[in-house]
């Protein structure tokens, strides 16, 4: 072999090596540069019936995708080289138009695709509420209400104490600000523990009665309608160790012991007689609410389900005693509006088991229920999101559809029959990040919207705490949003309105 041929062969080998290294280096630099391009989205605007959504992307590294709404879920994904195809399934829409975001991620690259879905114009729903119904007129007069929570209902060592739970004494300025924020009514929960004498007279402490009257005066001067009640005297709590903590309004004991029930009814009659007499001359702005959240400590899922209806019957007796005592005092109390609540103030248990008291002024009775569904979101902060939220971050029940069904049932059972309804308590604790707080506000406004749609008044529970377990008192800007929502401003469609 000639030297010339060997040299030429070596040169070619060197050139080939350089070319290979060059290509390898070039390919490596391309692979190290992340990129993400959305090739197609079909369809991006869904019909109400739902269906499948296909998204195709080109990326490095291989892309992933996630929906931020429970009604859109990832069905499958396939990848070939740099191309990835995602298939999502969208549920049928049973309500108003809605939208959701699908986030595509490839390394540090990220993009969001907004998917919209049309409203279900054929949804089965009740017609618009008749604004001329007597019950609706009463609800409109009460409007959006506010609870002066953890105030006169606070207590320590079985004695009512206004400031024992961290709030300062309420003043005239407090209720003037409530009125200025747009609220039209105030519910003033009152605990009477430690302020009531022995049988047979059960005399209520004069100073405590005067303080309650003073706060009622604040409400009247502020131009607010007011509700006062007997609040934590019926509180019951089953502790983790099984200890049954309860007060004198013992529904379990009364259901098991006739003599105990008789004694409770005597005290209830005496107390409401005294309260009614003290406020006999107050006008129609003042409403009495007999009892609050009476249950066996299991929040509607305890012995009330196995005792053959005894506790429901006892509670009906107590409500009759309350109404009879107030009406017997005469004056404005003969026709004063009175709030009646069912077992645990549960809407469902109220509809199923409450028997309205009989007697004069039958058309001056109101139904009072509470709404905190789902409690794991509204009260306990175990879930960060609601309804349109990510499935892993929200409760499996208690969404918009549940809320609408509950309120529609109240409308059918009472409002359309001329019996006014007010949601005496509803609320949701604050969250520590913008997204979760947006879901909180979405939830609150939707409750207000649903109440107004079904001709019911609604009262926000405010515990005065601005911390993590706080409710509303420090959030004055949101007061106005709630008021507008109750008045019918159709703003609350999902949490996005609060994230913009």
Protein backbone atom coordinates (compact mmCIF):
# COMPACT_ATOMS: atom_id res chain seq x y z
CA UNK A 1 0.00 0.00 0.00
CA UNK A 2 1.37 3.40 -0.96
CA UNK A 3 2.15 6.06 1.58
CA UNK A 4 -0.01 8.52 -0.35
CA UNK A 5 -3.08 6.22 -0.02
CA UNK A 6 -2.52 5.74 3.69
CA UNK A 7 -2.33 9.50 4.26
CA UNK A 8 -5.51 10.06 2.28
CA UNK A 9 -7.25 7.36 4.31
CA UNK A 10 -6.15 8.99 7.58
CA UNK A 11 -7.35 12.41 6.43
CA UNK A 12 -10.77 10.98 5.58
CA UNK A 13 -11.02 9.29 8.97
CA UNK A 14 -10.14 12.53 10.74
CA UNK A 15 -12.73 14.47 8.74
CA UNK A 16 -15.36 11.82 9.47
CA UNK A 17 -14.58 11.98 13.20
CA UNK A 18 -14.86 15.76 13.18
CA UNK A 19 -18.20 15.54 11.40
CA UNK A 20 -19.54 12.99 13.88
CA UNK A 21 -18.37 15.05 16.83
CA UNK A 22 -19.86 18.16 15.28
CA UNK A 23 -23.23 16.48 14.77
CA UNK A 24 -23.16 15.02 18.27
CA UNK A 25 -22.34 18.40 19.74
CA UNK A 26 -25.06 20.06 17.69
CA UNK A 27 -27.70 17.48 18.68
CA UNK A 28 -26.69 17.76 22.31
CA UNK A 29 -27.11 21.53 22.31
CA UNK A 30 -30.59 21.21 20.78
CA UNK A 31 -31.67 18.58 23.31
CA UNK A 32 -30.52 20.73 26.20
CA UNK A 33 -32.78 23.64 25.14
CA UNK A 34 -36.36 23.11 26.50
CA UNK A 35 -39.20 24.24 24.28
CA UNK A 36 -42.99 23.93 24.22
CA UNK A 37 -45.35 24.59 21.32
CA UNK A 38 -49.10 23.93 21.30
CA UNK A 39 -49.97 22.46 17.90
CA UNK A 40 -53.75 22.13 18.27
CA UNK A 41 -56.69 22.19 20.73
CA UNK A 42 -59.90 20.52 19.60
CA UNK A 43 -62.41 21.63 20.67
CA UNK A 44 -61.56 24.63 22.85
CA UNK A 45 -65.20 25.70 23.19
CA UNK A 46 -67.37 22.82 24.40
CA UNK A 47 -71.08 22.25 24.09
CA UNK A 48 -73.08 21.76 27.30
CA UNK A 49 -73.17 18.01 26.65
CA UNK A 50 -69.42 17.75 27.27
CA UNK A 51 -67.18 15.28 25.46
CA UNK A 52 -63.50 14.80 24.70
CA UNK A 53 -60.80 17.43 24.20
CA UNK A 54 -57.61 16.62 22.29
CA UNK A 55 -54.50 18.74 22.78
CA UNK A 56 -51.34 18.15 20.72
CA UNK A 57 -48.01 19.70 21.66
CA UNK A 58 -44.40 19.59 20.55
CA UNK A 59 -41.87 19.85 23.36
CA UNK A 60 -38.62 18.95 24.99
CA UNK A 61 -38.67 17.37 27.47
CA UNK A 62 -41.88 15.33 27.13
CA UNK A 63 -44.82 17.46 28.29
CA UNK A 64 -47.32 16.82 31.08
CA UNK A 65 -50.82 18.28 31.45
CA UNK A 66 -53.18 19.00 34.34
CA UNK A 67 -56.70 20.45 34.61
CA UNK A 68 -57.60 22.91 37.36
CA UNK A 69 -61.28 21.92 37.35
CA UNK A 70 -63.02 18.79 38.53
CA UNK A 71 -65.28 18.61 35.49
CA UNK A 72 -62.33 18.10 33.12
CA UNK A 73 -60.13 15.02 33.71
CA UNK A 74 -57.17 13.53 31.84
CA UNK A 75 -58.19 10.34 30.04
CA UNK A 76 -54.95 9.40 28.24
CA UNK A 77 -51.73 10.69 26.74
CA UNK A 78 -49.35 9.32 24.09
CA UNK A 79 -45.88 10.51 23.06
CA UNK A 80 -43.73 9.96 19.97
CA UNK A 81 -40.39 11.73 19.77
CA UNK A 82 -41.17 15.37 20.61
CA UNK A 83 -44.92 15.14 19.95
CA UNK A 84 -47.43 14.44 22.75
CA UNK A 85 -51.19 14.05 22.42
CA UNK A 86 -53.46 14.50 25.47
CA UNK A 87 -57.09 13.43 25.63
CA UNK A 88 -59.31 15.00 28.31
CA UNK A 89 -62.91 14.14 29.18
CA UNK A 90 -65.32 16.97 30.04
CA UNK A 91 -68.50 16.28 32.02
CA UNK A 92 -71.88 17.54 30.87
CA UNK A 93 -72.75 20.99 32.19
CA UNK A 94 -75.90 21.11 34.30
CA UNK A 95 -75.78 24.83 34.98
CA UNK A 96 -74.40 28.13 33.76
CA UNK A 97 -71.56 28.66 31.28
CA UNK A 98 -68.17 27.86 32.79
CA UNK A 99 -64.49 27.71 32.00
CA UNK A 100 -61.41 25.83 33.17
CA UNK A 101 -57.67 25.93 32.65
CA UNK A 102 -55.42 23.13 31.41
CA UNK A 103 -51.75 23.68 32.21
CA UNK A 104 -49.13 22.13 29.90
CA UNK A 105 -45.61 21.82 31.34
CA UNK A 106 -42.31 20.81 29.72
CA UNK A 107 -39.35 21.33 32.00
CA UNK A 108 -39.31 25.01 32.89
CA UNK A 109 -41.70 25.86 30.06
CA UNK A 110 -45.39 26.21 30.88
CA UNK A 111 -48.51 27.40 29.12
CA UNK A 112 -52.20 27.48 30.03
CA UNK A 113 -55.14 26.73 27.75
CA UNK A 114 -58.60 28.03 28.66
CA UNK A 115 -61.47 25.68 27.87
CA UNK A 116 -65.02 27.06 27.89
CA UNK A 117 -68.30 25.19 28.10
CA UNK A 118 -71.72 26.48 27.14
CA UNK A 119 -74.58 26.71 29.63
CA UNK A 120 -77.23 24.03 29.77
CA UNK A 121 -80.22 25.97 28.49
CA UNK A 122 -82.42 22.93 28.89
CA UNK A 123 -81.59 22.32 32.55
CA UNK A 124 -84.43 21.41 34.81
CA UNK A 125 -84.82 24.32 37.18
CA UNK A 126 -87.49 26.25 38.94
CA UNK A 127 -88.84 29.38 37.28
CA UNK A 128 -87.80 32.74 38.66
CA UNK A 129 -89.17 33.34 42.14
CA UNK A 130 -92.36 35.39 42.36
CA UNK A 131 -91.21 38.61 44.01
CA UNK A 132 -94.76 39.26 45.22
CA UNK A 133 -94.92 36.14 47.38
CA UNK A 134 -95.39 37.21 51.03
CA UNK A 135 -92.45 35.06 52.13
CA UNK A 136 -90.19 36.64 49.53
CA UNK A 137 -91.18 40.14 50.62
CA UNK A 138 -90.17 39.32 54.20
CA UNK A 139 -86.87 37.88 52.98
CA UNK A 140 -86.18 41.01 50.96
CA UNK A 141 -86.80 43.16 54.03
CA UNK A 142 -84.30 41.11 56.04
CA UNK A 143 -81.96 41.11 53.05
CA UNK A 144 -78.35 40.21 53.65
CA UNK A 145 -77.68 39.89 57.36
CA UNK A 146 -74.61 39.76 59.56
CA UNK A 147 -74.00 37.75 62.74
CA UNK A 148 -72.44 39.50 65.71
CA UNK A 149 -70.68 36.22 66.47
CA UNK A 150 -68.48 35.31 69.45
CA UNK A 151 -69.79 38.37 71.26
CA UNK A 152 -72.87 38.13 73.48
CA UNK A 153 -72.81 34.38 72.85
CA UNK A 154 -69.30 34.03 74.34
CA UNK A 155 -68.92 32.32 77.69
CA UNK A 156 -66.26 31.05 80.08
CA UNK A 157 -66.66 28.60 82.96
CA UNK A 158 -70.37 28.25 82.14
CA UNK A 159 -70.95 32.00 82.47
CA UNK A 160 -71.83 34.32 79.59
CA UNK A 161 -69.08 36.91 79.13
CA UNK A 162 -69.03 39.24 76.13
CA UNK A 163 -65.26 39.67 75.86
CA UNK A 164 -64.12 36.19 76.94
CA UNK A 165 -63.48 34.98 73.38
CA UNK A 166 -61.20 37.80 72.36
CA UNK A 167 -63.54 40.43 70.94
CA UNK A 168 -63.88 43.84 72.57
CA UNK A 169 -67.25 45.16 73.69
CA UNK A 170 -69.55 45.96 70.79
CA UNK A 171 -70.39 49.64 70.38
CA UNK A 172 -72.83 51.76 68.44
CA UNK A 173 -70.07 52.40 65.90
CA UNK A 174 -69.81 48.66 65.22
CA UNK A 175 -73.36 48.38 63.97
CA UNK A 176 -73.23 51.69 62.14
CA UNK A 177 -70.34 50.26 60.12
CA UNK A 178 -72.33 47.10 59.47
CA UNK A 179 -75.13 49.21 58.06
CA UNK A 180 -72.72 51.31 56.00
CA UNK A 181 -71.23 48.16 54.50
CA UNK A 182 -74.63 47.34 53.02
CA UNK A 183 -76.06 44.83 55.47
CA UNK A 184 -79.72 45.31 56.36
CA UNK A 185 -80.07 42.99 59.36
CA UNK A 186 -78.02 41.75 62.29
CA UNK A 187 -78.41 38.50 64.18
CA UNK A 188 -77.32 38.91 67.79
CA UNK A 189 -76.66 35.47 69.31
CA UNK A 190 -77.04 35.56 73.09
CA UNK A 191 -75.87 32.99 75.63
CA UNK A 192 -77.64 33.13 79.00
CA UNK A 193 -75.48 30.63 80.90
CA UNK A 194 -74.74 31.75 84.46
CA UNK A 195 -77.23 34.60 84.14
CA UNK A 196 -80.37 32.68 85.12
CA UNK A 197 -81.57 32.00 88.67
CA UNK A 198 -82.95 28.82 90.16
CA UNK A 199 -86.38 27.27 89.68
CA UNK A 200 -89.20 28.05 89.78
CA UNK A 201 -88.72 31.66 88.65
CA UNK A 202 -85.49 31.38 86.64
CA UNK A 203 -84.90 35.10 87.04
CA UNK A 204 -82.59 36.54 84.37
CA UNK A 205 -79.77 38.73 85.67
CA UNK A 206 -80.80 42.37 85.28
CA UNK A 207 -77.38 43.64 84.16
CA UNK A 208 -77.13 41.00 81.44
CA UNK A 209 -80.65 41.70 80.20
CA UNK A 210 -79.80 45.41 80.11
CA UNK A 211 -76.66 44.74 78.07
CA UNK A 212 -78.62 42.70 75.53
CA UNK A 213 -81.18 45.51 75.35
CA UNK A 214 -78.39 48.04 74.82
CA UNK A 215 -77.03 46.15 71.81
CA UNK A 216 -80.54 45.83 70.40
CA UNK A 217 -80.77 49.62 70.73
CA UNK A 218 -77.54 49.94 68.75
CA UNK A 219 -79.11 47.92 65.95
CA UNK A 220 -82.30 49.97 65.99
CA UNK A 221 -80.42 53.28 65.87
CA UNK A 222 -78.31 51.97 62.99
CA UNK A 223 -81.46 51.17 61.03
CA UNK A 224 -80.92 47.41 61.12
CA UNK A 225 -83.45 44.68 61.68
CA UNK A 226 -82.33 42.49 64.57
CA UNK A 227 -82.67 38.90 65.77
CA UNK A 228 -81.94 37.76 69.33
CA UNK A 229 -82.02 34.18 70.58
CA UNK A 230 -81.00 31.62 73.18
CA UNK A 231 -77.71 30.45 71.73
CA UNK A 232 -75.05 28.27 73.42
CA UNK A 233 -77.41 27.15 76.21
CA UNK A 234 -78.10 24.23 73.88
CA UNK A 235 -74.50 23.59 72.81
CA UNK A 236 -73.39 19.96 72.86
CA UNK A 237 -70.01 18.47 71.98
CA UNK A 238 -68.77 14.88 72.06
CA UNK A 239 -65.02 14.96 72.77
CA UNK A 240 -62.52 12.49 71.30
CA UNK A 241 -62.32 10.69 74.65
CA UNK A 242 -66.10 10.24 74.60
CA UNK A 243 -66.89 12.96 77.14
CA UNK A 244 -70.36 14.37 76.46
CA UNK A 245 -70.24 18.12 77.11
CA UNK A 246 -73.71 19.66 77.19
CA UNK A 247 -75.80 22.44 78.72
CA UNK A 248 -79.27 22.67 80.26
CA UNK A 249 -81.07 22.39 76.91
CA UNK A 250 -80.32 18.66 76.88
CA UNK A 251 -82.25 17.11 73.99
CA UNK A 252 -80.97 13.58 74.68
CA UNK A 253 -81.86 13.70 78.36
CA UNK A 254 -85.26 15.21 77.64
CA UNK A 255 -86.02 12.45 75.13
CA UNK A 256 -85.17 9.80 77.74
CA UNK A 257 -86.60 11.42 80.87
CA UNK A 258 -90.06 12.96 81.01
CA UNK A 259 -89.36 14.89 84.22
CA UNK A 260 -86.23 16.45 82.72
CA UNK A 261 -88.19 17.50 79.66
CA UNK A 262 -90.84 19.11 81.86
CA UNK A 263 -88.20 21.06 83.81
CA UNK A 264 -86.52 22.26 80.61
CA UNK A 265 -89.83 23.45 79.20
CA UNK A 266 -90.61 25.34 82.41
CA UNK A 267 -87.26 27.16 82.26
CA UNK A 268 -87.67 27.85 78.54
CA UNK A 269 -91.12 29.30 79.14
CA UNK A 270 -89.92 31.50 82.00
CA UNK A 271 -86.92 32.84 80.11
CA UNK A 272 -88.81 33.67 76.94
CA UNK A 273 -91.57 35.29 78.97
CA UNK A 274 -89.00 37.59 80.60
CA UNK A 275 -87.21 38.36 77.33
CA UNK A 276 -90.47 39.06 75.54
CA UNK A 277 -91.71 41.32 78.33
CA UNK A 278 -88.48 43.33 78.26
CA UNK A 279 -88.85 43.98 74.51
CA UNK A 280 -92.65 44.11 74.38
CA UNK A 281 -92.71 47.66 73.03
CA UNK A 282 -90.03 47.19 70.41
CA UNK A 283 -91.25 47.44 66.84
CA UNK A 284 -91.27 44.93 64.04
CA UNK A 285 -87.55 45.40 63.39
CA UNK A 286 -86.91 42.97 66.27
CA UNK A 287 -87.31 39.21 65.77
CA UNK A 288 -87.03 36.48 68.40
CA UNK A 289 -85.40 33.14 67.54
CA UNK A 290 -86.22 30.45 70.06
CA UNK A 291 -83.26 28.08 69.90
CA UNK A 292 -79.96 27.45 68.14
CA UNK A 293 -78.47 24.22 66.72
CA UNK A 294 -80.13 21.74 69.06
CA UNK A 295 -78.66 18.25 68.56
CA UNK A 296 -77.10 15.32 70.40
CA UNK A 297 -73.47 16.24 69.66
CA UNK A 298 -73.25 14.30 66.40
CA UNK A 299 -74.56 17.06 64.14
CA UNK A 300 -77.59 15.21 62.84
CA UNK A 301 -75.97 11.79 62.42
CA UNK A 302 -76.26 10.45 65.95
CA UNK A 303 -78.93 8.98 68.21
CA UNK A 304 -81.57 11.08 66.48
CA UNK A 305 -81.45 8.52 63.67
CA UNK A 306 -82.12 5.55 65.97
CA UNK A 307 -84.47 6.77 68.72
CA UNK A 308 -87.68 6.52 66.74
CA UNK A 309 -88.06 10.27 66.30
CA UNK A 310 -88.11 11.10 70.02
CA UNK A 311 -85.63 13.99 69.79
CA UNK A 312 -87.48 15.51 66.84
CA UNK A 313 -90.72 15.36 68.81
CA UNK A 314 -89.11 16.94 71.89
CA UNK A 315 -87.71 19.81 69.82
CA UNK A 316 -91.15 20.43 68.34
CA UNK A 317 -92.50 20.66 71.91
CA UNK A 318 -89.81 23.18 72.85
CA UNK A 319 -90.59 25.37 69.86
CA UNK A 320 -94.27 25.36 70.80
CA UNK A 321 -93.38 26.44 74.35
CA UNK A 322 -91.29 29.30 72.94
CA UNK A 323 -94.08 30.57 70.68
CA UNK A 324 -96.77 30.25 73.36
CA UNK A 325 -94.64 32.12 75.92
CA UNK A 326 -93.92 35.04 73.60
CA UNK A 327 -97.47 35.37 72.29
CA UNK A 328 -98.90 35.33 75.82
CA UNK A 329 -97.06 38.55 76.73
CA UNK A 330 -99.20 40.52 74.29
CA UNK A 331 -98.38 43.94 72.90
CA UNK A 332 -96.15 43.83 69.84
CA UNK A 333 -95.20 40.29 70.79
CA UNK A 334 -98.66 39.08 69.80
CA UNK A 335 -97.66 39.45 66.16
CA UNK A 336 -93.88 39.65 66.31
CA UNK A 337 -91.99 37.52 63.78
CA UNK A 338 -90.53 34.45 65.47
CA UNK A 339 -87.72 32.27 64.08
CA UNK A 340 -88.24 28.51 64.29
CA UNK A 341 -85.42 26.03 63.67
CA UNK A 342 -85.42 22.28 63.17
CA UNK A 343 -83.01 19.66 64.46
CA UNK A 344 -79.41 20.85 64.22
CA UNK A 345 -80.75 23.73 62.05
CA UNK A 346 -80.19 21.29 59.19
CA UNK A 347 -82.23 22.17 56.08
CA UNK A 348 -82.97 18.51 55.34
CA UNK A 349 -83.86 17.54 58.91
CA UNK A 350 -85.96 20.68 59.26
CA UNK A 351 -87.99 19.84 56.17
CA UNK A 352 -88.43 16.21 57.25
CA UNK A 353 -89.17 16.56 60.95
CA UNK A 354 -90.09 20.10 62.02
CA UNK A 355 -93.73 20.74 62.90
CA UNK A 356 -94.49 24.43 62.93
CA UNK A 357 -95.97 25.63 66.23
CA UNK A 358 -99.69 26.33 66.22
CA UNK A 359 -101.63 29.26 67.63
CA UNK A 360 -102.39 32.88 66.78
CA UNK A 361 -100.35 34.83 64.21
CA UNK A 362 -99.44 31.63 62.39
CA UNK A 363 -98.35 33.73 59.41
CA UNK A 364 -95.68 35.42 61.54
CA UNK A 365 -93.38 32.44 61.85
CA UNK A 366 -90.04 32.20 60.04
CA UNK A 367 -87.95 29.12 59.28
CA UNK A 368 -84.30 29.37 60.35
CA UNK A 369 -81.65 26.99 59.01
CA UNK A 370 -77.84 27.07 58.82
CA UNK A 371 -75.62 26.23 55.86
CA UNK A 372 -71.93 25.27 56.08
CA UNK A 373 -71.81 22.47 53.50
CA UNK A 374 -69.28 20.99 53.13
CA UNK A 375 -67.98 21.70 56.63
CA UNK A 376 -64.57 20.29 55.71
CA UNK A 377 -64.19 23.27 53.36
CA UNK A 378 -66.25 26.00 55.02
CA UNK A 379 -65.26 25.49 58.66
CA UNK A 380 -62.31 23.12 58.95
CA UNK A 381 -60.10 24.14 56.00
CA UNK A 382 -59.34 20.49 55.25
CA UNK A 383 -59.87 21.26 51.58
CA UNK A 384 -58.51 24.33 49.82
CA UNK A 385 -60.91 24.49 46.87
CA UNK A 386 -64.59 24.12 46.00
CA UNK A 387 -66.75 23.04 43.04
CA UNK A 388 -64.63 24.01 40.02
CA UNK A 389 -61.44 23.21 41.92
CA UNK A 390 -58.97 20.40 41.38
CA UNK A 391 -60.47 17.03 42.45
CA UNK A 392 -57.62 16.32 44.87
CA UNK A 393 -58.11 19.67 46.61
CA UNK A 394 -61.87 19.66 47.14
CA UNK A 395 -64.49 17.66 48.99
CA UNK A 396 -66.36 15.00 47.01
CA UNK A 397 -69.75 16.54 47.80
CA UNK A 398 -71.30 19.90 48.69
CA UNK A 399 -70.74 21.65 45.36
CA UNK A 400 -72.94 24.12 43.47
CA UNK A 401 -75.45 21.44 42.47
CA UNK A 402 -75.81 20.28 46.08
CA UNK A 403 -76.33 23.85 47.24
CA UNK A 404 -78.96 24.55 44.60
CA UNK A 405 -80.86 21.37 45.47
CA UNK A 406 -80.88 22.16 49.21
CA UNK A 407 -82.11 25.72 48.71
CA UNK A 408 -84.66 24.68 46.08
CA UNK A 409 -86.04 22.14 48.56
CA UNK A 410 -86.45 24.90 51.19
CA UNK A 411 -88.18 27.04 48.60
CA UNK A 412 -90.64 24.26 47.77
CA UNK A 413 -91.30 23.28 51.39
CA UNK A 414 -91.71 26.78 52.78
CA UNK A 415 -91.26 29.87 50.61
CA UNK A 416 -93.80 28.86 47.97
CA UNK A 417 -96.26 28.05 50.78
CA UNK A 418 -95.96 31.54 52.26
CA UNK A 419 -93.49 30.72 55.05
CA UNK A 420 -90.39 32.97 55.02
CA UNK A 421 -86.95 31.38 55.33
CA UNK A 422 -83.66 32.85 56.45
CA UNK A 423 -80.26 31.19 56.46
CA UNK A 424 -79.38 32.19 60.01
CA UNK A 425 -75.73 31.24 59.60
CA UNK A 426 -73.37 30.60 56.72
CA UNK A 427 -69.70 31.40 56.30
CA UNK A 428 -66.22 30.22 55.39
CA UNK A 429 -62.87 30.59 57.15
CA UNK A 430 -60.06 32.65 55.61
CA UNK A 431 -57.27 31.00 53.61
CA UNK A 432 -53.55 31.82 53.56
CA UNK A 433 -53.00 32.00 49.78
CA UNK A 434 -54.65 33.85 46.92
CA UNK A 435 -55.97 30.81 45.08
CA UNK A 436 -57.64 29.23 48.12
CA UNK A 437 -58.98 32.60 49.24
CA UNK A 438 -60.48 33.02 45.76
CA UNK A 439 -62.40 29.77 46.22
CA UNK A 440 -63.59 30.98 49.62
CA UNK A 441 -65.03 34.14 48.12
CA UNK A 442 -66.53 32.19 45.24
CA UNK A 443 -68.29 29.92 47.76
CA UNK A 444 -69.62 32.81 49.84
CA UNK A 445 -71.02 34.73 46.92
CA UNK A 446 -72.61 31.62 45.47
CA UNK A 447 -74.45 30.93 48.74
CA UNK A 448 -75.76 34.50 48.71
CA UNK A 449 -76.78 34.17 45.08
CA UNK A 450 -78.60 30.87 45.67
CA UNK A 451 -80.44 32.27 48.69
CA UNK A 452 -81.67 35.29 46.76
CA UNK A 453 -82.65 33.16 43.76
CA UNK A 454 -84.87 31.06 46.02
CA UNK A 455 -86.39 33.99 47.90
CA UNK A 456 -84.53 33.59 51.19
CA UNK A 457 -82.57 35.96 53.42
CA UNK A 458 -79.06 34.99 54.49
CA UNK A 459 -76.90 35.91 57.49
CA UNK A 460 -73.10 35.69 57.40
CA UNK A 461 -71.47 34.23 60.52
CA UNK A 462 -68.64 36.50 61.63
CA UNK A 463 -66.50 35.44 64.58
CA UNK A 464 -64.42 38.63 64.56
CA UNK A 465 -61.17 36.74 64.01
CA UNK A 466 -58.92 37.98 61.20
CA UNK A 467 -56.58 34.99 61.54
CA UNK A 468 -56.57 31.61 59.82
CA UNK A 469 -59.83 30.56 61.47
CA UNK A 470 -61.38 33.99 61.00
CA UNK A 471 -64.51 34.68 59.02
CA UNK A 472 -65.21 38.18 57.76
CA UNK A 473 -65.14 41.13 60.14
CA UNK A 474 -61.82 42.52 58.89
CA UNK A 475 -62.73 42.00 55.22
CA UNK A 476 -64.84 45.09 54.64
CA UNK A 477 -64.32 45.21 50.87
CA UNK A 478 -65.91 41.78 50.54
CA UNK A 479 -68.96 42.96 52.51
CA UNK A 480 -70.00 44.99 49.49
CA UNK A 481 -69.49 42.08 47.11
CA UNK A 482 -71.73 39.86 49.21
CA UNK A 483 -74.40 42.55 49.38
CA UNK A 484 -74.32 43.02 45.62
CA UNK A 485 -74.53 39.28 45.06
CA UNK A 486 -77.59 38.95 47.28
CA UNK A 487 -79.22 41.79 45.37
CA UNK A 488 -78.90 39.75 42.19
CA UNK A 489 -75.72 40.96 40.49
CA UNK A 490 -74.77 37.87 38.45
CA UNK A 491 -71.03 38.08 39.03
CA UNK A 492 -70.09 34.87 40.73
CA UNK A 493 -69.58 32.16 38.11
CA UNK A 494 -66.35 30.66 39.40
CA UNK A 495 -63.26 31.51 41.42
CA UNK A 496 -61.49 33.20 38.50
CA UNK A 497 -63.26 36.51 39.10
CA UNK A 498 -61.19 36.86 42.27
CA UNK A 499 -57.86 35.87 40.72
CA UNK A 500 -57.82 38.56 38.03
